Amino acid sequence: MKALAAALLFATLLIPSPVHALANRPAGVSAASEADATVSVAKLAKGGDCKALINLAEKGSLATRAKARFALVNMGGRAVPALLHALGKREYVPELVFVLNGIKDKRSAGPLADLLNLKDKKSLEAVENALFALGGHSVPYLFAAIEDPSRCQSAAAVLASIKAPNYREKLKDRLKDKRIYVRRAAADVELSWLDPAAREDMERLLGDKDVKIRRAASAYFLAMAPNFSVKELPALLKDPDTDVRKNSVQLATKLRDVKCFRILSEMLLSDPDPRVRALSAEAVFRCGENGQAVAPLVAALKDNDISVAAAAARRLGALKAAQALLPLQELLKNKGKQSDDVVDAVAGALADIGMKFDADILLPYINWNNLYVVRSVIRAWNVSALPRDVKVKEALKNYLKMPVDDRYKNKVRTLLGKLG
């Protein structure tokens, strides 16, 4: 009996089986069943039985579905009508779209666009990818979908990635549409297409009552700057939406719009969003003339948000503002433990200003594991440290003994040599 069992086992091993079929075979499905399925798929494909192949692609085992899908892809355009009929039922969408995406027949563009209101994320993503792959064939149907409130958002996402120059005028017409959802979708697409000829239409949308449209319009001008300016920029800087203000501040920075300096100074000190205030520091620096920027930037050093204080410190350093020397030191003296970002910014600013200051003031705040901070502190001490600054020399010597990144250790040795 043992000899017979061994012989049967040896004979089984000699029977060839597709490796991928065995690897993908679900639990409970025998090799014989998979072999039958392989034969069945081949026969159905040879006979052109699309309906049966689609049924296997939808409901077969994992390996059978894969074979059926590839068989349908190989059939090409002959399979498309049956695939589109099955797709209309809105079942097994990813499996069917996989096949259609492999065939890439322009007849599938319209039916696929009809599915842009699917709720299932996986299915919707498959549809969007297939429409994108069809390129220009999808564009007319995507424009039609923009006018459907249930499909406009998904249609705009696909259309934005395609870029169809022949449809620029049609898109401009949608920017003027009375329906908010159409204008919103068109503005999102235009933000990607960035057609310079759409400037007037996008500038009109800067005053749209819909906040998402204003965000897209302001982002359009930010992307196009400094090619042309914006007449309504001062009003835009006062927009109630944070994202619109962020875009507008960055736009003013790119344009170096001196007319906006007063508004930008007010935003630096009083905007409710710290991200806007931090961006305003750069804008004030770029738009100020004849030292105008120094006073608002010094005032911003007192901001409770560390990103704003750090941004102001860096810009004061770039201005080499001697008036900022004491306020910068006060920032470290009066607020206790500071973040690495603030220490880096203040030390860098003190180095850029290039005037003597109390070198010991940086000692309590140095994070020797942060290379940016170490670099800025060494630069500052090169300006101000003196041989009598014993604590500074001790700190530098200790740094040389630390098991940290030694990228700046040669600069530390040079500074120690200077201090004696």
Protein backbone atom coordinates (compact mmCIF):
# COMPACT_ATOMS: atom_id res chain seq x y z
CA MET A 1 0.00 0.00 0.00
CA LYS A 2 2.80 2.41 0.88
CA ALA A 3 4.48 1.70 -2.46
CA LEU A 4 1.19 2.36 -4.32
CA ALA A 5 0.63 5.65 -2.48
CA ALA A 6 4.17 6.77 -3.30
CA ALA A 7 3.65 5.90 -6.97
CA LEU A 8 0.39 7.87 -7.12
CA LEU A 9 2.06 10.87 -5.50
CA PHE A 10 4.95 10.70 -7.99
CA ALA A 11 2.49 10.54 -10.90
CA THR A 12 0.59 13.57 -9.58
CA LEU A 13 3.78 15.62 -9.45
CA LEU A 14 4.43 14.84 -13.10
CA ILE A 15 1.11 16.43 -14.19
CA PRO A 16 1.85 20.03 -15.31
CA SER A 17 -0.22 22.84 -13.77
CA PRO A 18 -0.06 26.56 -14.41
CA VAL A 19 1.93 28.04 -11.54
CA HIS A 20 -0.13 31.22 -11.43
CA ALA A 21 -3.38 29.24 -11.27
CA LEU A 22 -2.17 27.26 -8.29
CA ALA A 23 -0.85 30.39 -6.59
CA ASN A 24 -4.14 32.25 -7.03
CA ARG A 25 -6.50 29.38 -6.40
CA PRO A 26 -8.98 30.23 -3.60
CA ALA A 27 -9.39 27.86 -0.71
CA GLY A 28 -11.74 25.00 -1.57
CA VAL A 29 -11.14 25.17 -5.34
CA SER A 30 -9.40 22.10 -6.72
CA ALA A 31 -6.72 22.03 -9.39
CA ALA A 32 -9.11 20.06 -11.59
CA SER A 33 -11.75 22.77 -11.30
CA GLU A 34 -9.21 25.40 -12.29
CA ALA A 35 -8.07 23.32 -15.23
CA ASP A 36 -11.69 22.97 -16.37
CA ALA A 37 -12.16 26.72 -16.03
CA THR A 38 -9.06 27.38 -18.14
CA VAL A 39 -10.39 25.11 -20.88
CA SER A 40 -13.83 26.71 -20.61
CA VAL A 41 -12.44 30.26 -20.96
CA ALA A 42 -10.41 29.23 -24.00
CA LYS A 43 -13.46 27.65 -25.66
CA LEU A 44 -15.68 30.66 -24.92
CA ALA A 45 -13.07 33.04 -26.27
CA LYS A 46 -12.65 30.99 -29.43
CA GLY A 47 -16.42 30.95 -29.92
CA GLY A 48 -16.72 34.69 -29.22
CA ASP A 49 -19.22 34.16 -26.38
CA CYS A 50 -18.76 37.55 -24.72
CA LYS A 51 -21.75 37.21 -22.43
CA ALA A 52 -20.45 33.98 -20.88
CA LEU A 53 -16.95 35.40 -20.55
CA ILE A 54 -18.32 38.47 -18.81
CA ASN A 55 -20.21 36.24 -16.40
CA LEU A 56 -16.94 34.43 -15.58
CA ALA A 57 -15.08 37.74 -15.26
CA GLU A 58 -17.65 38.86 -12.72
CA LYS A 59 -18.39 35.73 -10.73
CA GLY A 60 -15.68 33.14 -11.29
CA SER A 61 -12.87 32.24 -8.93
CA LEU A 62 -9.99 34.68 -8.63
CA ALA A 63 -7.90 32.91 -11.28
CA THR A 64 -10.87 32.34 -13.59
CA ARG A 65 -11.89 36.01 -13.44
CA ALA A 66 -8.37 37.03 -14.43
CA LYS A 67 -8.34 34.63 -17.40
CA ALA A 68 -11.78 35.78 -18.52
CA ARG A 69 -10.82 39.44 -18.32
CA PHE A 70 -7.70 38.98 -20.40
CA ALA A 71 -9.65 36.90 -22.92
CA LEU A 72 -12.12 39.77 -23.30
CA VAL A 73 -9.30 42.26 -23.71
CA ASN A 74 -7.83 40.10 -26.47
CA MET A 75 -11.18 40.07 -28.24
CA GLY A 76 -10.96 43.85 -28.53
CA GLY A 77 -13.78 45.83 -30.09
CA ARG A 78 -15.98 42.75 -30.59
CA ALA A 79 -16.48 42.57 -26.83
CA VAL A 80 -17.31 46.25 -26.29
CA PRO A 81 -21.11 46.20 -26.89
CA ALA A 82 -21.62 43.33 -24.45
CA LEU A 83 -19.29 44.94 -21.92
CA LEU A 84 -21.16 48.26 -22.10
CA HIS A 85 -24.49 46.46 -21.68
CA ALA A 86 -23.16 44.75 -18.55
CA LEU A 87 -21.67 48.00 -17.30
CA GLY A 88 -25.08 49.65 -17.47
CA LYS A 89 -26.22 47.43 -14.60
CA ARG A 90 -23.61 49.15 -12.37
CA GLU A 91 -22.43 45.87 -10.94
CA TYR A 92 -18.87 44.52 -10.95
CA VAL A 93 -17.74 47.90 -12.25
CA PRO A 94 -13.98 47.58 -11.50
CA GLU A 95 -13.80 44.21 -13.31
CA LEU A 96 -15.62 45.50 -16.39
CA VAL A 97 -13.75 48.79 -16.49
CA PHE A 98 -10.47 46.88 -16.28
CA VAL A 99 -11.38 45.17 -19.54
CA LEU A 100 -12.62 48.35 -21.23
CA ASN A 101 -9.49 50.16 -20.16
CA GLY A 102 -7.44 47.41 -21.77
CA ILE A 103 -9.37 47.70 -25.05
CA LYS A 104 -9.54 51.54 -25.10
CA ASP A 105 -12.45 51.80 -27.51
CA LYS A 106 -13.89 55.31 -27.93
CA ARG A 107 -17.44 53.87 -27.73
CA SER A 108 -16.96 53.36 -24.02
CA ALA A 109 -16.37 57.07 -23.25
CA GLY A 110 -20.05 58.03 -22.99
CA PRO A 111 -21.18 55.07 -20.86
CA LEU A 112 -18.17 55.52 -18.59
CA ALA A 113 -18.96 59.22 -18.14
CA ASP A 114 -22.50 58.22 -17.11
CA LEU A 115 -20.96 56.40 -14.12
CA LEU A 116 -19.21 59.45 -12.67
CA ASN A 117 -21.87 59.64 -9.95
CA LEU A 118 -20.96 56.24 -8.48
CA LYS A 119 -20.77 56.25 -4.69
CA ASP A 120 -18.26 53.42 -4.36
CA LYS A 121 -14.80 54.99 -4.25
CA LYS A 122 -12.99 52.04 -5.83
CA SER A 123 -15.45 51.84 -8.71
CA LEU A 124 -15.40 55.60 -9.28
CA GLU A 125 -11.61 55.65 -9.33
CA ALA A 126 -11.57 52.90 -11.96
CA VAL A 127 -14.02 54.86 -14.12
CA GLU A 128 -12.02 58.09 -13.80
CA ASN A 129 -8.80 56.32 -14.77
CA ALA A 130 -10.43 54.75 -17.82
CA LEU A 131 -11.82 58.10 -18.99
CA PHE A 132 -8.41 59.68 -18.57
CA ALA A 133 -6.83 56.88 -20.62
CA LEU A 134 -9.29 57.58 -23.45
CA GLY A 135 -8.01 61.16 -23.60
CA GLY A 136 -9.67 63.36 -26.20
CA HIS A 137 -12.47 60.84 -26.80
CA SER A 138 -13.71 61.52 -23.26
CA VAL A 139 -13.69 65.32 -23.43
CA PRO A 140 -17.16 65.94 -24.99
CA TYR A 141 -18.80 63.60 -22.49
CA LEU A 142 -16.92 65.17 -19.58
CA PHE A 143 -18.16 68.61 -20.59
CA ALA A 144 -21.69 67.24 -20.63
CA ALA A 145 -21.14 65.68 -17.18
CA ILE A 146 -20.03 69.04 -15.77
CA GLU A 147 -23.62 70.20 -16.19
CA ASP A 148 -24.90 67.35 -14.03
CA PRO A 149 -24.62 68.24 -10.31
CA SER A 150 -24.13 64.59 -9.37
CA ARG A 151 -21.20 64.13 -11.79
CA CYS A 152 -19.63 67.57 -12.14
CA GLN A 153 -16.95 67.19 -9.48
CA SER A 154 -15.63 63.88 -10.80
CA ALA A 155 -15.87 65.09 -14.39
CA ALA A 156 -13.84 68.18 -13.56
CA ALA A 157 -11.16 66.07 -11.86
CA VAL A 158 -10.68 63.99 -15.02
CA LEU A 159 -10.98 66.91 -17.43
CA ALA A 160 -8.37 68.89 -15.49
CA SER A 161 -5.82 66.16 -16.16
CA ILE A 162 -6.52 65.80 -19.88
CA LYS A 163 -5.98 69.38 -21.13
CA ALA A 164 -7.77 69.84 -24.46
CA PRO A 165 -6.68 73.07 -26.22
CA ASN A 166 -9.54 72.87 -28.73
CA TYR A 167 -12.04 73.17 -25.89
CA ARG A 168 -10.65 76.30 -24.22
CA GLU A 169 -13.44 78.53 -25.52
CA LYS A 170 -16.05 76.05 -24.38
CA LEU A 171 -14.49 76.04 -20.92
CA LYS A 172 -14.55 79.84 -20.81
CA ASP A 173 -18.29 79.71 -21.51
CA ARG A 174 -18.73 77.42 -18.50
CA LEU A 175 -16.90 79.96 -16.31
CA LYS A 176 -19.79 82.35 -17.01
CA ASP A 177 -22.56 79.82 -16.33
CA LYS A 178 -25.31 80.90 -13.92
CA ARG A 179 -25.17 77.59 -12.06
CA ILE A 180 -22.71 77.59 -9.17
CA TYR A 181 -21.72 73.94 -9.54
CA VAL A 182 -20.89 74.45 -13.23
CA ARG A 183 -18.75 77.53 -12.54
CA ARG A 184 -17.04 75.69 -9.69
CA ALA A 185 -16.17 72.71 -11.89
CA ALA A 186 -15.01 74.97 -14.73
CA ALA A 187 -12.82 77.02 -12.39
CA ASP A 188 -11.16 73.86 -11.08
CA VAL A 189 -10.43 72.75 -14.64
CA GLU A 190 -9.11 76.17 -15.62
CA LEU A 191 -6.80 76.13 -12.63
CA SER A 192 -5.16 73.08 -14.19
CA TRP A 193 -5.28 74.21 -17.83
CA LEU A 194 -4.00 77.73 -17.00
CA ASP A 195 -5.16 79.32 -20.23
CA PRO A 196 -3.89 82.95 -20.30
CA ALA A 197 -6.89 83.88 -22.45
CA ALA A 198 -9.19 83.07 -19.53
CA ARG A 199 -7.74 85.91 -17.43
CA GLU A 200 -10.78 88.23 -17.58
CA ASP A 201 -13.23 85.44 -16.80
CA MET A 202 -11.16 84.21 -13.86
CA GLU A 203 -10.73 87.74 -12.54
CA ARG A 204 -14.50 88.10 -12.56
CA LEU A 205 -14.73 84.96 -10.43
CA LEU A 206 -12.55 86.53 -7.73
CA GLY A 207 -15.76 88.20 -6.54
CA ASP A 208 -17.96 85.11 -6.85
CA LYS A 209 -20.24 84.39 -3.92
CA ASP A 210 -19.07 80.76 -3.81
CA VAL A 211 -15.92 80.37 -1.73
CA LYS A 212 -14.60 77.35 -3.65
CA ILE A 213 -14.78 79.32 -6.88
CA ARG A 214 -12.89 82.23 -5.31
CA ARG A 215 -10.22 79.81 -4.06
CA ALA A 216 -9.72 78.37 -7.54
CA ALA A 217 -9.66 81.83 -9.14
CA SER A 218 -7.12 83.22 -6.66
CA ALA A 219 -4.97 80.10 -7.09
CA TYR A 220 -5.12 80.61 -10.88
CA PHE A 221 -3.65 84.10 -10.56
CA LEU A 222 -1.04 82.89 -8.09
CA ALA A 223 0.05 80.25 -10.60
CA MET A 224 0.14 82.79 -13.44
CA ALA A 225 2.06 85.49 -11.53
CA PRO A 226 3.98 87.60 -12.28
CA ASN A 227 2.73 87.50 -15.88
CA PHE A 228 -0.12 89.86 -15.06
CA SER A 229 -1.48 91.71 -12.06
CA VAL A 230 -4.91 91.69 -10.41
CA LYS A 231 -6.92 94.88 -10.10
CA GLU A 232 -8.95 93.57 -7.18
CA LEU A 233 -5.99 92.38 -5.11
CA PRO A 234 -6.53 94.80 -2.16
CA ALA A 235 -10.13 93.59 -1.81
CA LEU A 236 -9.02 89.99 -2.21
CA LEU A 237 -6.60 90.35 0.70
CA LYS A 238 -9.63 91.05 2.90
CA ASP A 239 -11.60 88.00 1.77
CA PRO A 240 -13.35 86.18 4.65
CA ASP A 241 -11.90 82.83 3.52
CA THR A 242 -8.46 81.87 4.85
CA ASP A 243 -7.36 80.02 1.72
CA VAL A 244 -8.26 82.96 -0.52
CA ARG A 245 -6.27 85.29 1.74
CA LYS A 246 -3.30 82.90 1.70
CA ASN A 247 -3.32 82.82 -2.10
CA SER A 248 -3.70 86.60 -2.23
CA VAL A 249 -0.80 87.29 0.15
CA GLN A 250 1.46 85.02 -1.89
CA LEU A 251 0.28 86.74 -5.06
CA ALA A 252 1.13 90.16 -3.61
CA THR A 253 4.56 88.79 -2.69
CA LYS A 254 5.20 87.58 -6.24
CA LEU A 255 4.00 90.85 -7.72
CA ARG A 256 5.87 92.98 -5.13
CA ASP A 257 2.75 95.13 -5.06
CA VAL A 258 3.75 98.20 -3.01
CA LYS A 259 0.15 99.47 -3.13
CA CYS A 260 -0.82 96.60 -0.84
CA PHE A 261 1.86 97.26 1.78
CA ARG A 262 -0.45 98.86 4.34
CA ILE A 263 -3.00 96.06 4.12
CA LEU A 264 -0.28 93.43 4.30
CA SER A 265 1.18 95.09 7.42
CA GLU A 266 -2.22 94.95 9.07
CA MET A 267 -2.60 91.30 8.12
CA LEU A 268 0.82 90.49 9.56
CA LEU A 269 -0.28 91.82 12.94
CA SER A 270 -3.97 91.01 13.07
CA ASP A 271 -5.10 88.29 10.65
CA PRO A 272 -6.91 85.56 12.62
CA ASP A 273 -5.01 82.74 10.90
CA PRO A 274 -1.33 82.27 11.86
CA ARG A 275 -0.54 80.77 8.46
CA VAL A 276 -1.68 83.97 6.79
CA ARG A 277 0.30 86.07 9.26
CA ALA A 278 3.46 84.05 8.61
CA LEU A 279 3.05 84.45 4.84
CA SER A 280 2.43 88.17 5.36
CA ALA A 281 5.91 88.56 6.86
CA GLU A 282 7.42 87.64 3.51
CA ALA A 283 4.93 89.87 1.68
CA VAL A 284 5.73 92.87 3.89
CA PHE A 285 9.44 92.27 3.30
CA ARG A 286 8.96 92.14 -0.49
CA CYS A 287 6.51 95.03 -0.81
CA GLY A 288 8.03 97.50 1.66
CA GLU A 289 10.17 100.39 0.44
CA ASN A 290 12.86 102.43 2.15
CA GLY A 291 12.82 100.47 5.39
CA GLN A 292 9.00 100.48 5.72
CA ALA A 293 8.97 96.79 6.53
CA VAL A 294 11.11 96.99 9.66
CA ALA A 295 8.49 98.35 12.08
CA PRO A 296 5.71 95.81 11.33
CA LEU A 297 8.22 92.94 11.29
CA VAL A 298 9.64 93.98 14.68
CA ALA A 299 6.08 94.13 16.06
CA ALA A 300 5.44 90.63 14.67
CA LEU A 301 8.28 89.23 16.80
CA LYS A 302 5.80 89.41 19.70
CA ASP A 303 3.30 87.11 17.95
CA ASN A 304 2.22 84.16 20.08
CA ASP A 305 2.59 81.79 17.15
CA ILE A 306 6.16 80.58 16.70
CA SER A 307 5.89 80.32 12.90
CA VAL A 308 4.98 84.01 12.66
CA ALA A 309 7.75 85.13 15.03
CA ALA A 310 10.28 83.00 13.16
CA ALA A 311 9.18 84.34 9.76
CA ALA A 312 9.47 87.93 11.00
CA ALA A 313 12.94 87.26 12.45
CA ARG A 314 14.24 85.82 9.19
CA ARG A 315 13.00 88.78 7.17
CA LEU A 316 14.55 91.25 9.64
CA GLY A 317 17.84 89.45 9.18
CA ALA A 318 17.50 89.74 5.40
CA LEU A 319 16.94 93.48 5.84
CA LYS A 320 20.02 93.71 8.10
CA ALA A 321 17.85 95.85 10.34
CA ALA A 322 19.94 97.26 13.19
CA GLN A 323 16.70 98.36 14.89
CA ALA A 324 15.82 94.71 15.33
CA LEU A 325 18.95 93.78 17.30
CA LEU A 326 17.43 94.32 20.77
CA PRO A 327 13.91 92.98 19.94
CA LEU A 328 15.49 89.79 18.58
CA GLN A 329 17.42 89.26 21.79
CA GLU A 330 14.31 90.06 23.84
CA LEU A 331 12.47 87.31 21.97
CA LEU A 332 14.82 84.77 23.54
CA LYS A 333 15.02 86.46 26.93
CA ASN A 334 11.36 86.92 27.67
CA LYS A 335 9.60 83.81 26.40
CA GLY A 336 11.38 80.96 28.10
CA LYS A 337 12.19 77.81 26.14
CA GLN A 338 11.94 78.41 22.40
CA SER A 339 11.35 76.07 19.50
CA ASP A 340 14.19 75.09 17.18
CA ASP A 341 12.55 77.10 14.42
CA VAL A 342 12.61 80.33 16.43
CA VAL A 343 16.19 79.78 17.66
CA ASP A 344 17.33 79.04 14.11
CA ALA A 345 15.56 82.16 12.79
CA VAL A 346 16.81 84.50 15.55
CA ALA A 347 20.41 83.24 15.42
CA GLY A 348 20.40 83.51 11.64
CA ALA A 349 19.00 87.05 11.81
CA LEU A 350 21.61 88.13 14.37
CA ALA A 351 24.32 86.72 12.09
CA ASP A 352 22.89 88.54 9.06
CA ILE A 353 22.61 91.87 10.88
CA GLY A 354 26.28 91.48 11.71
CA MET A 355 26.42 93.54 14.89
CA LYS A 356 27.76 92.58 18.33
CA PHE A 357 25.26 91.09 20.76
CA ASP A 358 25.32 89.10 23.99
CA ALA A 359 26.68 85.75 22.77
CA ASP A 360 25.57 83.93 25.94
CA ILE A 361 21.92 84.58 25.10
CA LEU A 362 21.83 81.64 22.69
CA LEU A 363 23.28 79.08 25.12
CA PRO A 364 20.05 77.90 26.83
CA TYR A 365 18.28 77.29 23.53
CA ILE A 366 20.71 75.33 21.37
CA ASN A 367 19.61 71.89 20.19
CA TRP A 368 22.95 70.37 19.22
CA ASN A 369 21.16 67.56 17.39
CA ASN A 370 19.54 70.01 14.98
CA LEU A 371 22.01 70.89 12.23
CA TYR A 372 20.05 73.94 11.13
CA VAL A 373 20.20 75.42 14.61
CA VAL A 374 23.89 74.57 14.99
CA ARG A 375 24.68 76.21 11.66
CA SER A 376 22.83 79.43 12.54
CA VAL A 377 24.33 79.63 16.03
CA ILE A 378 27.87 79.16 14.73
CA ARG A 379 27.25 81.93 12.17
CA ALA A 380 25.96 84.23 14.92
CA TRP A 381 28.85 83.47 17.26
CA ASN A 382 31.33 84.14 14.46
CA VAL A 383 29.98 87.67 14.46
CA SER A 384 29.75 88.30 18.19
CA ALA A 385 31.58 85.76 20.37
CA LEU A 386 34.76 87.00 22.12
CA PRO A 387 37.58 85.18 23.94
CA ARG A 388 36.06 86.17 27.26
CA ASP A 389 32.84 84.24 26.48
CA VAL A 390 33.90 81.21 28.52
CA LYS A 391 30.52 79.46 28.44
CA VAL A 392 30.41 79.70 24.67
CA LYS A 393 33.84 78.05 24.38
CA GLU A 394 32.80 75.29 26.78
CA ALA A 395 29.64 74.61 24.77
CA LEU A 396 31.62 74.40 21.54
CA LYS A 397 34.18 72.01 23.09
CA ASN A 398 31.37 69.79 24.40
CA TYR A 399 29.83 69.70 20.93
CA LEU A 400 33.06 68.29 19.52
CA LYS A 401 32.77 65.37 21.99
CA MET A 402 29.13 64.61 21.17
CA PRO A 403 28.20 61.57 19.02
CA VAL A 404 26.23 63.73 16.58
CA ASP A 405 26.49 64.54 12.90
CA ASP A 406 29.95 66.09 12.50
CA ARG A 407 29.08 68.16 9.44
CA TYR A 408 29.81 71.44 11.25
CA LYS A 409 32.56 70.29 13.58
CA ASN A 410 35.30 71.79 11.39
CA LYS A 411 33.54 75.16 11.60
CA VAL A 412 33.35 74.76 15.37
CA ARG A 413 37.10 74.09 15.52
CA THR A 414 37.74 77.18 13.41
CA LEU A 415 35.61 79.28 15.76
CA LEU A 416 37.36 77.87 18.80
CA GLY A 417 40.69 78.78 17.23
CA LYS A 418 39.42 82.31 16.77
CA LEU A 419 38.30 82.53 20.40
CA GLY A 420 41.63 81.19 21.66
